[in-house]
Amino acid sequence: MDRREFVKMIGIGGVLAGMGALLGSGCAREPEPEAEAPPVAGEAPAPESAETVATCPRCGAENKVEQRGTEITCWKCGHKWTPEKPA
């Protein structure tokens, strides 16, 4: 083995060892639990069912709507429309 092959082998080994260390350290950690903010005193938490869902007229995807009557953009196809206000 000449010097050039030796340097090449050491370089490739170092790169692979570094990649292994980076990948291994990321996989070994447990995900941190998401902390929820405590509710503000005197304020009732919003119910989960309060979200309104509108169906896109172009592709049929369900989109979350904060207020009826405001223009929204479909997350799937990018179509913009204004959902009808409930009667």
N, C-alpha and C. Protein backbone atom coordinates (compact mmCIF):
# COMPACT_ATOMS: atom_id res chain seq x y z
N MET A 1 0.86 -1.16 0.00
CA MET A 1 0.00 0.00 0.00
C MET A 1 0.91 1.23 0.00
N ASP A 2 0.66 2.12 -0.95
CA ASP A 2 1.48 3.33 -0.99
C ASP A 2 0.81 4.43 -0.16
N ARG A 3 1.48 5.55 -0.06
CA ARG A 3 1.05 6.64 0.81
C ARG A 3 -0.30 7.21 0.37
N ARG A 4 -0.52 7.35 -0.92
CA ARG A 4 -1.75 7.93 -1.44
C ARG A 4 -2.95 7.06 -1.05
N GLU A 5 -2.85 5.76 -1.19
CA GLU A 5 -3.95 4.86 -0.82
C GLU A 5 -4.20 4.90 0.68
N PHE A 6 -3.12 5.00 1.47
CA PHE A 6 -3.25 5.05 2.92
C PHE A 6 -4.01 6.32 3.34
N VAL A 7 -3.66 7.46 2.78
CA VAL A 7 -4.32 8.72 3.11
C VAL A 7 -5.79 8.68 2.68
N LYS A 8 -6.05 8.11 1.54
CA LYS A 8 -7.41 7.99 1.04
C LYS A 8 -8.25 7.12 1.98
N MET A 9 -7.69 6.01 2.43
CA MET A 9 -8.39 5.10 3.30
C MET A 9 -8.68 5.75 4.66
N ILE A 10 -7.71 6.48 5.20
CA ILE A 10 -7.90 7.16 6.49
C ILE A 10 -8.96 8.25 6.34
N GLY A 11 -8.94 8.98 5.24
CA GLY A 11 -9.93 10.04 5.01
C GLY A 11 -11.34 9.50 4.91
N ILE A 12 -11.52 8.44 4.14
CA ILE A 12 -12.85 7.84 4.00
C ILE A 12 -13.32 7.27 5.33
N GLY A 13 -12.43 6.65 6.06
CA GLY A 13 -12.78 6.10 7.37
C GLY A 13 -13.20 7.19 8.34
N GLY A 14 -12.52 8.33 8.30
CA GLY A 14 -12.87 9.44 9.18
C GLY A 14 -14.24 10.02 8.86
N VAL A 15 -14.52 10.15 7.58
CA VAL A 15 -15.83 10.66 7.17
C VAL A 15 -16.94 9.72 7.60
N LEU A 16 -16.75 8.44 7.38
CA LEU A 16 -17.77 7.46 7.76
C LEU A 16 -17.96 7.41 9.27
N ALA A 17 -16.86 7.50 10.02
CA ALA A 17 -16.97 7.49 11.48
C ALA A 17 -17.71 8.73 11.96
N GLY A 18 -17.44 9.88 11.36
CA GLY A 18 -18.13 11.11 11.75
C GLY A 18 -19.62 11.05 11.45
N MET A 19 -19.96 10.52 10.29
CA MET A 19 -21.37 10.39 9.93
C MET A 19 -22.08 9.42 10.87
N GLY A 20 -21.42 8.36 11.21
CA GLY A 20 -22.01 7.39 12.13
C GLY A 20 -22.26 8.00 13.50
N ALA A 21 -21.31 8.83 13.96
CA ALA A 21 -21.47 9.47 15.26
C ALA A 21 -22.64 10.44 15.24
N LEU A 22 -22.78 11.21 14.16
CA LEU A 22 -23.88 12.16 14.06
C LEU A 22 -25.22 11.45 13.98
N LEU A 23 -25.31 10.43 13.16
CA LEU A 23 -26.57 9.71 13.02
C LEU A 23 -26.92 8.95 14.29
N GLY A 24 -25.94 8.36 14.91
CA GLY A 24 -26.18 7.59 16.13
C GLY A 24 -26.63 8.46 17.28
N SER A 25 -26.08 9.66 17.40
CA SER A 25 -26.45 10.52 18.52
C SER A 25 -27.87 11.04 18.35
N GLY A 26 -28.30 11.27 17.13
CA GLY A 26 -29.66 11.75 16.89
C GLY A 26 -30.69 10.68 17.15
N CYS A 27 -30.37 9.45 16.88
CA CYS A 27 -31.32 8.35 17.06
C CYS A 27 -31.41 7.91 18.51
N ALA A 28 -30.38 8.14 19.28
CA ALA A 28 -30.34 7.64 20.65
C ALA A 28 -31.19 8.49 21.59
N ARG A 29 -31.43 9.75 21.25
CA ARG A 29 -32.19 10.61 22.14
C ARG A 29 -33.68 10.33 22.05
N GLU A 30 -34.34 10.42 23.20
CA GLU A 30 -35.78 10.28 23.22
C GLU A 30 -36.39 11.64 22.90
N PRO A 31 -37.50 11.67 22.19
CA PRO A 31 -38.10 12.97 21.88
C PRO A 31 -38.60 13.65 23.15
N GLU A 32 -38.45 14.97 23.18
CA GLU A 32 -38.91 15.72 24.35
C GLU A 32 -40.42 15.86 24.28
N PRO A 33 -41.09 15.69 25.42
CA PRO A 33 -42.55 15.84 25.41
C PRO A 33 -42.91 17.32 25.20
N GLU A 34 -44.00 17.53 24.48
CA GLU A 34 -44.44 18.90 24.23
C GLU A 34 -45.20 19.40 25.45
N ALA A 35 -44.78 20.55 25.94
CA ALA A 35 -45.43 21.13 27.11
C ALA A 35 -46.59 22.01 26.66
N GLU A 36 -47.71 21.89 27.36
CA GLU A 36 -48.87 22.72 27.06
C GLU A 36 -48.85 23.91 28.01
N ALA A 37 -49.20 25.06 27.50
CA ALA A 37 -49.25 26.26 28.33
C ALA A 37 -50.45 26.15 29.26
N PRO A 38 -50.27 26.55 30.51
CA PRO A 38 -51.40 26.48 31.44
C PRO A 38 -52.47 27.50 31.05
N PRO A 39 -53.75 27.20 31.29
CA PRO A 39 -54.80 28.15 30.93
C PRO A 39 -54.70 29.42 31.77
N VAL A 40 -55.08 30.54 31.18
CA VAL A 40 -55.05 31.82 31.87
C VAL A 40 -56.21 31.85 32.86
N ALA A 41 -55.96 32.41 34.06
CA ALA A 41 -56.99 32.46 35.09
C ALA A 41 -58.20 33.24 34.60
N GLY A 42 -59.40 32.70 34.81
CA GLY A 42 -60.63 33.36 34.42
C GLY A 42 -61.01 33.12 32.97
N GLU A 43 -60.25 32.34 32.27
CA GLU A 43 -60.51 32.08 30.86
C GLU A 43 -60.76 30.59 30.67
N ALA A 44 -61.87 30.24 30.07
CA ALA A 44 -62.18 28.83 29.83
C ALA A 44 -61.43 28.37 28.58
N PRO A 45 -60.86 27.17 28.61
CA PRO A 45 -60.16 26.68 27.41
C PRO A 45 -61.14 26.48 26.27
N ALA A 46 -60.69 26.75 25.06
CA ALA A 46 -61.53 26.60 23.89
C ALA A 46 -61.76 25.12 23.61
N PRO A 47 -62.99 24.73 23.32
CA PRO A 47 -63.25 23.31 23.02
C PRO A 47 -62.63 22.92 21.69
N GLU A 48 -62.21 21.67 21.60
CA GLU A 48 -61.58 21.16 20.39
C GLU A 48 -62.55 21.13 19.21
N SER A 49 -63.84 20.96 19.51
CA SER A 49 -64.82 20.85 18.44
C SER A 49 -65.21 22.21 17.85
N ALA A 50 -64.63 23.31 18.37
CA ALA A 50 -64.97 24.65 17.89
C ALA A 50 -64.40 24.91 16.50
N GLU A 51 -63.45 24.10 16.05
CA GLU A 51 -62.87 24.30 14.73
C GLU A 51 -63.91 23.98 13.66
N THR A 52 -63.94 24.82 12.65
CA THR A 52 -64.84 24.61 11.53
C THR A 52 -64.02 24.07 10.38
N VAL A 53 -64.60 23.15 9.65
CA VAL A 53 -63.92 22.55 8.52
C VAL A 53 -64.70 22.87 7.25
N ALA A 54 -63.99 23.33 6.23
CA ALA A 54 -64.60 23.60 4.93
C ALA A 54 -63.97 22.68 3.90
N THR A 55 -64.77 22.17 3.00
CA THR A 55 -64.29 21.28 1.95
C THR A 55 -63.97 22.11 0.70
N CYS A 56 -62.78 21.90 0.16
CA CYS A 56 -62.35 22.63 -1.03
C CYS A 56 -63.24 22.23 -2.21
N PRO A 57 -63.79 23.22 -2.93
CA PRO A 57 -64.64 22.89 -4.08
C PRO A 57 -63.87 22.30 -5.26
N ARG A 58 -62.56 22.50 -5.30
CA ARG A 58 -61.79 21.99 -6.43
C ARG A 58 -61.31 20.56 -6.20
N CYS A 59 -60.66 20.30 -5.04
CA CYS A 59 -60.05 18.97 -4.84
C CYS A 59 -60.74 18.13 -3.75
N GLY A 60 -61.60 18.74 -2.93
CA GLY A 60 -62.32 18.00 -1.90
C GLY A 60 -61.56 17.83 -0.59
N ALA A 61 -60.41 18.49 -0.44
CA ALA A 61 -59.64 18.38 0.80
C ALA A 61 -60.31 19.19 1.91
N GLU A 62 -60.19 18.70 3.15
CA GLU A 62 -60.76 19.41 4.28
C GLU A 62 -59.77 20.47 4.76
N ASN A 63 -60.25 21.69 4.96
CA ASN A 63 -59.43 22.81 5.40
C ASN A 63 -60.00 23.39 6.68
N LYS A 64 -59.13 23.73 7.64
CA LYS A 64 -59.58 24.35 8.88
C LYS A 64 -59.90 25.81 8.61
N VAL A 65 -61.02 26.26 9.15
CA VAL A 65 -61.47 27.64 8.95
C VAL A 65 -61.59 28.31 10.31
N GLU A 66 -60.97 29.47 10.45
CA GLU A 66 -61.08 30.21 11.71
C GLU A 66 -62.38 30.99 11.78
N GLN A 67 -62.72 31.69 10.69
CA GLN A 67 -63.96 32.46 10.64
C GLN A 67 -64.61 32.23 9.28
N ARG A 68 -65.89 32.01 9.30
CA ARG A 68 -66.63 31.90 8.04
C ARG A 68 -66.71 33.28 7.42
N GLY A 69 -66.72 33.34 6.11
CA GLY A 69 -66.83 34.60 5.41
C GLY A 69 -65.49 35.22 5.05
N THR A 70 -64.37 34.63 5.50
CA THR A 70 -63.05 35.13 5.14
C THR A 70 -62.45 34.19 4.10
N GLU A 71 -61.67 34.75 3.21
CA GLU A 71 -61.07 33.95 2.14
C GLU A 71 -60.02 33.00 2.72
N ILE A 72 -60.03 31.76 2.28
CA ILE A 72 -59.02 30.78 2.70
C ILE A 72 -58.37 30.18 1.47
N THR A 73 -57.20 29.60 1.70
CA THR A 73 -56.45 28.93 0.63
C THR A 73 -56.33 27.46 0.97
N CYS A 74 -56.65 26.59 0.05
CA CYS A 74 -56.59 25.15 0.26
C CYS A 74 -55.13 24.72 0.46
N TRP A 75 -54.89 23.91 1.46
CA TRP A 75 -53.54 23.44 1.76
C TRP A 75 -53.04 22.47 0.71
N LYS A 76 -53.96 21.81 0.01
CA LYS A 76 -53.56 20.76 -0.92
C LYS A 76 -53.35 21.27 -2.34
N CYS A 77 -54.30 22.05 -2.87
CA CYS A 77 -54.21 22.46 -4.28
C CYS A 77 -53.96 23.95 -4.46
N GLY A 78 -54.06 24.75 -3.38
CA GLY A 78 -53.78 26.18 -3.47
C GLY A 78 -54.96 27.01 -3.94
N HIS A 79 -56.13 26.40 -4.14
CA HIS A 79 -57.33 27.12 -4.59
C HIS A 79 -57.80 28.08 -3.51
N LYS A 80 -58.15 29.32 -3.91
CA LYS A 80 -58.65 30.31 -2.95
C LYS A 80 -60.15 30.47 -3.14
N TRP A 81 -60.88 30.48 -2.02
CA TRP A 81 -62.32 30.68 -2.06
C TRP A 81 -62.79 31.16 -0.70
N THR A 82 -64.03 31.64 -0.68
CA THR A 82 -64.64 32.10 0.56
C THR A 82 -65.76 31.14 0.92
N PRO A 83 -65.65 30.44 2.06
CA PRO A 83 -66.72 29.53 2.47
C PRO A 83 -68.00 30.31 2.78
N GLU A 84 -69.12 29.70 2.54
CA GLU A 84 -70.41 30.35 2.80
C GLU A 84 -70.62 30.48 4.30
N LYS A 85 -71.33 31.54 4.68
CA LYS A 85 -71.67 31.73 6.09
C LYS A 85 -72.85 30.80 6.41
N PRO A 86 -72.85 30.19 7.62
CA PRO A 86 -73.96 29.30 7.96
C PRO A 86 -75.27 30.09 8.12
N ALA A 87 -76.37 29.49 7.76
CA ALA A 87 -77.68 30.17 7.82
C ALA A 87 -78.21 30.19 9.22
